[in-house]
N, C-alpha and C. Protein backbone atom coordinates (compact mmCIF):
# COMPACT_ATOMS: atom_id res chain seq x y z
N MET A 1 -0.23 -5.43 2.65
CA MET A 1 0.39 -6.71 1.54
C MET A 1 0.31 -6.38 0.55
N LYS A 2 0.06 -5.43 -0.67
CA LYS A 2 0.03 -4.05 -1.24
C LYS A 2 1.22 -3.68 -1.10
N TYR A 3 1.54 -2.67 -0.33
CA TYR A 3 2.71 -1.95 0.71
C TYR A 3 4.15 -2.80 1.17
N ILE A 4 3.80 -3.85 0.92
CA ILE A 4 4.96 -5.06 1.16
C ILE A 4 5.51 -4.87 -0.17
N LYS A 5 4.69 -5.62 -0.69
CA LYS A 5 5.48 -6.37 -2.45
C LYS A 5 5.42 -4.42 -3.06
N TRP A 6 4.76 -3.36 -2.89
CA TRP A 6 5.91 -2.25 -3.26
C TRP A 6 7.28 -1.76 -2.66
N THR A 7 7.33 -1.85 -1.48
CA THR A 7 8.49 -1.39 -1.20
C THR A 7 9.46 -2.65 -1.33
N PHE A 8 9.23 -4.22 -1.27
CA PHE A 8 10.49 -5.21 -2.17
C PHE A 8 10.61 -5.28 -3.25
N GLY A 9 9.45 -4.70 -3.96
CA GLY A 9 9.97 -4.53 -5.64
C GLY A 9 10.30 -3.54 -5.50
N SER A 10 10.84 -1.84 -5.51
CA SER A 10 10.81 -0.59 -5.16
C SER A 10 12.52 -1.35 -4.99
N LEU A 11 12.57 -1.98 -3.37
CA LEU A 11 14.16 -2.14 -3.14
C LEU A 11 14.87 -2.42 -4.54
N PHE A 12 14.25 -3.83 -4.90
CA PHE A 12 14.98 -4.85 -5.93
C PHE A 12 15.20 -3.87 -7.09
N LEU A 13 14.92 -2.81 -7.71
CA LEU A 13 14.66 -2.00 -8.82
C LEU A 13 16.00 -1.13 -8.15
N LEU A 14 15.57 -0.50 -6.89
CA LEU A 14 16.65 0.55 -6.61
C LEU A 14 18.18 -0.10 -6.57
N LEU A 15 18.35 -1.28 -6.23
CA LEU A 15 19.57 -1.43 -5.97
C LEU A 15 20.10 -2.50 -7.49
N SER A 16 19.10 -2.61 -8.43
CA SER A 16 19.25 -2.95 -10.02
C SER A 16 19.51 -1.44 -10.43
N ALA A 17 18.92 -0.42 -10.57
CA ALA A 17 19.10 0.39 -11.35
C ALA A 17 20.40 1.36 -10.69
N ALA A 18 21.17 1.00 -9.23
CA ALA A 18 22.41 1.89 -8.57
C ALA A 18 23.35 1.01 -8.98
N TRP A 19 23.14 -0.44 -10.20
CA TRP A 19 24.14 -1.20 -10.11
C TRP A 19 24.43 -1.39 -12.01
N LEU A 20 23.08 -1.16 -12.40
CA LEU A 20 22.93 -0.70 -13.66
C LEU A 20 23.81 0.36 -14.24
N LEU A 21 24.00 1.40 -13.26
CA LEU A 21 24.53 3.02 -14.17
C LEU A 21 26.21 2.77 -14.00
N ALA A 22 26.48 2.00 -13.03
CA ALA A 22 27.74 1.49 -12.74
C ALA A 22 28.33 0.50 -14.33
N ASP A 23 27.26 -0.60 -14.66
CA ASP A 23 27.93 -1.75 -15.82
C ASP A 23 26.50 -2.03 -15.90
N THR A 24 26.69 -2.90 -17.18
CA THR A 24 26.07 -3.16 -18.17
C THR A 24 25.69 -4.92 -18.53
N PHE A 25 24.55 -5.23 -18.55
CA PHE A 25 24.19 -6.27 -18.72
C PHE A 25 24.94 -7.16 -19.62
N PHE A 26 25.25 -6.32 -20.86
CA PHE A 26 25.80 -7.05 -22.27
C PHE A 26 26.72 -6.50 -22.40
N PRO A 27 27.91 -7.43 -21.61
CA PRO A 27 29.49 -6.99 -21.78
C PRO A 27 29.50 -6.70 -23.71
N ASP A 28 30.67 -5.90 -24.03
CA ASP A 28 31.21 -6.05 -25.16
C ASP A 28 32.62 -6.74 -25.37
N PRO A 29 32.88 -8.29 -25.54
CA PRO A 29 32.57 -8.66 -26.37
C PRO A 29 31.64 -9.47 -26.01
N PHE A 30 30.33 -10.34 -25.98
CA PHE A 30 29.97 -10.63 -25.67
C PHE A 30 30.03 -12.32 -24.82
N THR A 31 30.77 -12.91 -24.55
CA THR A 31 31.13 -14.00 -24.07
C THR A 31 30.43 -15.20 -23.04
N TYR A 32 30.71 -15.98 -22.85
CA TYR A 32 29.95 -16.81 -21.29
C TYR A 32 30.65 -16.02 -20.05
N PHE A 33 32.15 -16.32 -20.08
CA PHE A 33 32.83 -15.86 -19.14
C PHE A 33 33.22 -13.81 -18.96
N SER A 34 32.34 -13.61 -20.19
CA SER A 34 32.45 -11.96 -19.68
C SER A 34 31.18 -11.96 -19.15
N PHE A 35 30.20 -12.60 -19.96
CA PHE A 35 28.93 -12.60 -19.35
C PHE A 35 28.92 -13.03 -17.20
N ARG A 36 29.61 -14.21 -17.18
CA ARG A 36 29.91 -14.40 -15.71
C ARG A 36 30.11 -12.90 -14.55
N SER A 37 31.05 -12.69 -15.68
CA SER A 37 31.85 -12.16 -14.49
C SER A 37 30.58 -10.74 -13.95
N VAL A 38 29.68 -10.14 -15.14
CA VAL A 38 29.02 -9.31 -15.20
C VAL A 38 28.07 -9.65 -14.06
N PHE A 39 27.15 -11.09 -14.55
CA PHE A 39 26.40 -11.70 -13.40
C PHE A 39 26.87 -11.81 -11.77
N VAL A 40 28.39 -12.04 -11.43
CA VAL A 40 28.66 -12.09 -10.76
C VAL A 40 28.68 -10.78 -9.63
N GLN A 41 28.95 -9.90 -10.62
CA GLN A 41 28.77 -8.83 -10.10
C GLN A 41 27.80 -8.18 -9.76
N TYR A 42 26.72 -8.19 -10.14
CA TYR A 42 25.02 -8.56 -10.12
C TYR A 42 24.52 -8.39 -8.93
N THR A 43 24.88 -10.16 -9.09
CA THR A 43 24.22 -11.03 -7.41
C THR A 43 24.62 -10.60 -6.25
N GLY A 44 26.04 -10.22 -6.79
CA GLY A 44 26.76 -9.37 -5.74
C GLY A 44 26.11 -8.32 -4.63
N VAL A 45 25.97 -7.30 -5.79
CA VAL A 45 24.78 -6.01 -5.06
C VAL A 45 23.82 -6.52 -4.64
N ILE A 46 23.28 -6.80 -5.26
CA ILE A 46 21.58 -7.61 -4.83
C ILE A 46 21.94 -8.27 -3.39
N GLY A 47 22.61 -8.98 -3.54
CA GLY A 47 22.49 -10.39 -2.27
C GLY A 47 23.12 -9.33 -1.12
N ILE A 48 24.30 -8.46 -1.54
CA ILE A 48 24.89 -7.49 -0.05
C ILE A 48 23.86 -6.16 0.34
N GLY A 49 23.26 -5.95 -0.67
CA GLY A 49 21.48 -4.39 -0.48
C GLY A 49 21.10 -5.37 0.02
N MET A 50 20.36 -6.79 -0.24
CA MET A 50 18.79 -7.41 0.42
C MET A 50 18.95 -7.63 1.59
N MET A 51 20.25 -7.92 2.20
CA MET A 51 20.80 -8.32 2.79
C MET A 51 21.42 -7.34 4.27
N SER A 52 21.20 -5.98 3.71
CA SER A 52 21.75 -4.96 4.63
C SER A 52 19.91 -4.66 4.71
N ALA A 53 18.50 -4.60 3.86
CA ALA A 53 17.56 -4.08 4.35
C ALA A 53 17.05 -5.04 4.95
N ALA A 54 17.53 -6.75 5.25
CA ALA A 54 16.47 -7.28 5.63
C ALA A 54 17.49 -6.84 7.83
N MET A 55 18.96 -6.57 8.12
CA MET A 55 19.32 -5.98 9.08
C MET A 55 18.33 -5.42 9.25
N LEU A 56 18.43 -3.97 8.80
CA LEU A 56 17.68 -2.95 8.93
C LEU A 56 16.30 -2.88 9.72
N LEU A 57 15.16 -3.72 8.66
CA LEU A 57 14.24 -3.82 9.43
C LEU A 57 14.51 -4.96 10.67
N SER A 58 14.95 -6.04 11.12
CA SER A 58 15.87 -6.21 12.01
C SER A 58 15.64 -6.06 13.57
N THR A 59 15.99 -4.32 13.13
CA THR A 59 16.36 -3.31 14.28
C THR A 59 15.01 -2.99 14.58
N ARG A 60 13.72 -3.59 13.95
CA ARG A 60 12.35 -3.15 14.08
C ARG A 60 12.51 -1.67 13.96
N PRO A 61 12.21 -0.02 13.16
CA PRO A 61 12.58 0.71 13.28
C PRO A 61 11.22 1.33 13.61
N ASN A 62 10.71 2.30 14.65
CA ASN A 62 9.58 2.63 14.63
C ASN A 62 8.81 3.19 13.09
N TRP A 63 9.59 3.86 12.47
CA TRP A 63 8.99 4.84 11.66
C TRP A 63 8.93 3.54 10.18
N MET A 64 9.19 2.51 10.33
CA MET A 64 9.24 1.59 9.01
C MET A 64 7.24 0.82 9.42
N GLU A 65 7.05 0.91 10.76
CA GLU A 65 5.57 0.62 11.03
C GLU A 65 4.54 0.94 10.54
N ARG A 66 4.20 2.46 10.59
CA ARG A 66 3.19 2.64 10.28
C ARG A 66 3.26 2.18 8.71
N PRO A 67 4.12 3.02 8.04
CA PRO A 67 4.03 2.49 6.44
C PRO A 67 3.78 1.57 5.78
N LEU A 68 4.36 0.38 6.45
CA LEU A 68 4.07 -1.06 6.07
C LEU A 68 2.67 -1.68 7.16
N ASN A 69 2.33 -1.10 7.63
CA ASN A 69 0.72 -1.18 8.05
C ASN A 69 1.12 -2.33 9.06
N GLY A 70 2.11 -2.18 10.19
CA GLY A 70 2.54 -3.20 11.27
C GLY A 70 3.16 -3.53 11.34
N LEU A 71 3.70 -4.04 12.54
CA LEU A 71 5.07 -5.06 13.13
C LEU A 71 5.22 -6.28 12.01
N ASP A 72 3.80 -7.15 11.86
CA ASP A 72 4.12 -8.18 11.26
C ASP A 72 3.92 -7.73 10.01
N LYS A 73 3.85 -7.14 9.52
CA LYS A 73 3.67 -6.72 7.75
C LYS A 73 5.53 -6.27 7.70
N MET A 74 6.10 -5.92 8.53
CA MET A 74 7.82 -5.37 8.82
C MET A 74 8.76 -6.62 9.00
N TYR A 75 8.03 -7.59 9.25
CA TYR A 75 8.78 -9.06 10.31
C TYR A 75 8.13 -9.91 8.31
N ARG A 76 7.76 -9.61 7.83
CA ARG A 76 7.30 -10.22 6.68
C ARG A 76 8.64 -9.74 5.11
N LEU A 77 8.50 -9.06 5.51
CA LEU A 77 9.22 -7.46 4.23
C LEU A 77 11.08 -8.43 4.57
N HIS A 78 11.23 -8.51 6.21
CA HIS A 78 12.36 -8.52 6.25
C HIS A 78 13.09 -10.40 5.65
N LYS A 79 11.63 -11.30 5.76
CA LYS A 79 12.18 -12.57 5.93
C LYS A 79 12.13 -12.76 4.51
N TRP A 80 11.39 -11.88 3.40
CA TRP A 80 11.22 -12.29 1.94
C TRP A 80 12.80 -11.52 1.86
N SER A 81 12.93 -10.05 2.29
CA SER A 81 14.66 -9.54 2.18
C SER A 81 15.79 -10.90 1.93
N GLY A 82 15.36 -11.55 3.12
CA GLY A 82 17.02 -12.33 4.02
C GLY A 82 16.21 -13.31 2.91
N ILE A 83 15.58 -14.03 1.89
CA ILE A 83 15.70 -15.24 1.64
C ILE A 83 16.10 -14.93 -0.44
N THR A 84 15.56 -13.83 -0.28
CA THR A 84 16.02 -12.96 -1.77
C THR A 84 17.80 -12.98 -1.46
N GLY A 85 18.59 -12.17 -0.12
CA GLY A 85 19.53 -11.74 -0.01
C GLY A 85 20.59 -13.46 0.09
N LEU A 86 19.85 -14.53 0.02
CA LEU A 86 20.83 -15.60 0.39
C LEU A 86 20.60 -16.56 -1.05
N ILE A 87 19.77 -16.04 -1.90
CA ILE A 87 19.23 -16.77 -2.95
C ILE A 87 20.47 -16.26 -4.10
N PHE A 88 20.27 -14.96 -3.91
CA PHE A 88 21.04 -14.29 -4.79
C PHE A 88 23.19 -14.29 -4.32
N SER A 89 22.92 -14.37 -3.12
CA SER A 89 24.52 -14.40 -2.68
C SER A 89 25.45 -16.13 -2.44
N ILE A 90 23.80 -16.94 -2.36
CA ILE A 90 24.81 -18.03 -3.36
C ILE A 90 24.66 -18.20 -4.85
N SER A 91 23.41 -17.51 -5.33
CA SER A 91 24.09 -17.56 -6.71
C SER A 91 25.13 -17.02 -7.39
N HIS A 92 25.46 -15.65 -6.96
CA HIS A 92 26.95 -15.13 -6.77
C HIS A 92 28.35 -16.50 -6.64
N TRP A 93 27.62 -17.13 -5.31
CA TRP A 93 29.23 -18.05 -4.43
C TRP A 93 29.34 -18.77 -6.10
N TRP A 94 28.06 -19.00 -6.32
CA TRP A 94 28.59 -20.81 -7.57
C TRP A 94 28.56 -20.36 -8.95
N PHE A 95 28.50 -18.74 -8.65
CA PHE A 95 29.09 -18.21 -10.41
C PHE A 95 30.49 -17.67 -10.39
N ALA A 96 30.90 -17.26 -9.17
CA ALA A 96 32.14 -17.12 -9.31
C ALA A 96 32.93 -18.44 -8.58
N LYS A 97 32.62 -19.66 -7.76
CA LYS A 97 33.20 -20.65 -7.70
C LYS A 97 33.20 -21.89 -8.85
N GLY A 98 31.85 -21.91 -9.12
CA GLY A 98 31.25 -23.12 -8.96
C GLY A 98 31.65 -23.31 -10.94
N THR A 99 32.03 -22.06 -11.83
CA THR A 99 32.29 -22.17 -12.94
C THR A 99 33.47 -22.94 -13.06
N LYS A 100 34.33 -22.29 -12.15
CA LYS A 100 35.76 -22.80 -12.61
C LYS A 100 35.86 -24.45 -11.67
N TRP A 101 35.53 -24.52 -11.11
CA TRP A 101 35.09 -26.17 -10.79
C TRP A 101 34.98 -26.96 -11.38
N MET A 102 34.10 -26.96 -12.41
CA MET A 102 33.21 -27.67 -13.75
C MET A 102 34.43 -27.01 -14.45
N VAL A 103 35.44 -26.96 -14.83
CA VAL A 103 35.93 -26.65 -15.81
C VAL A 103 37.55 -26.64 -15.65
N GLY A 104 37.72 -26.71 -14.32
CA GLY A 104 39.18 -27.44 -14.01
C GLY A 104 39.24 -28.31 -13.07
N GLY A 105 37.98 -28.66 -12.51
CA GLY A 105 38.14 -29.90 -11.31
C GLY A 105 38.59 -28.82 -9.86
N VAL A 106 38.14 -29.66 -8.90
CA VAL A 106 38.06 -28.95 -7.70
C VAL A 106 39.71 -28.81 -7.19
N GLY A 107 40.80 -29.14 -7.33
CA GLY A 107 41.93 -28.98 -6.93
C GLY A 107 42.46 -27.73 -7.57
């Protein structure tokens, strides 16, 4: 379980660091809509990155079984990567569309 947590955390931090090299968490001026655009980009990067990792793990690569101590652990990492990707993708969609719907109505 230790290797799964380490791998999952490393993947999350790697994606966050790659995004942080291109953008910042604190836009200037700091308003809701400027932060919203930053958060939409961040959740999109994390969502697509985690889903890509889950797709890679679904192919059951042999070189990943040994570092993760077996196929069952690799499936667990696949599951949590997919769940995290889904949560961030829904957050991405909500901040992109939901805020506009709340302010201006559905039409």
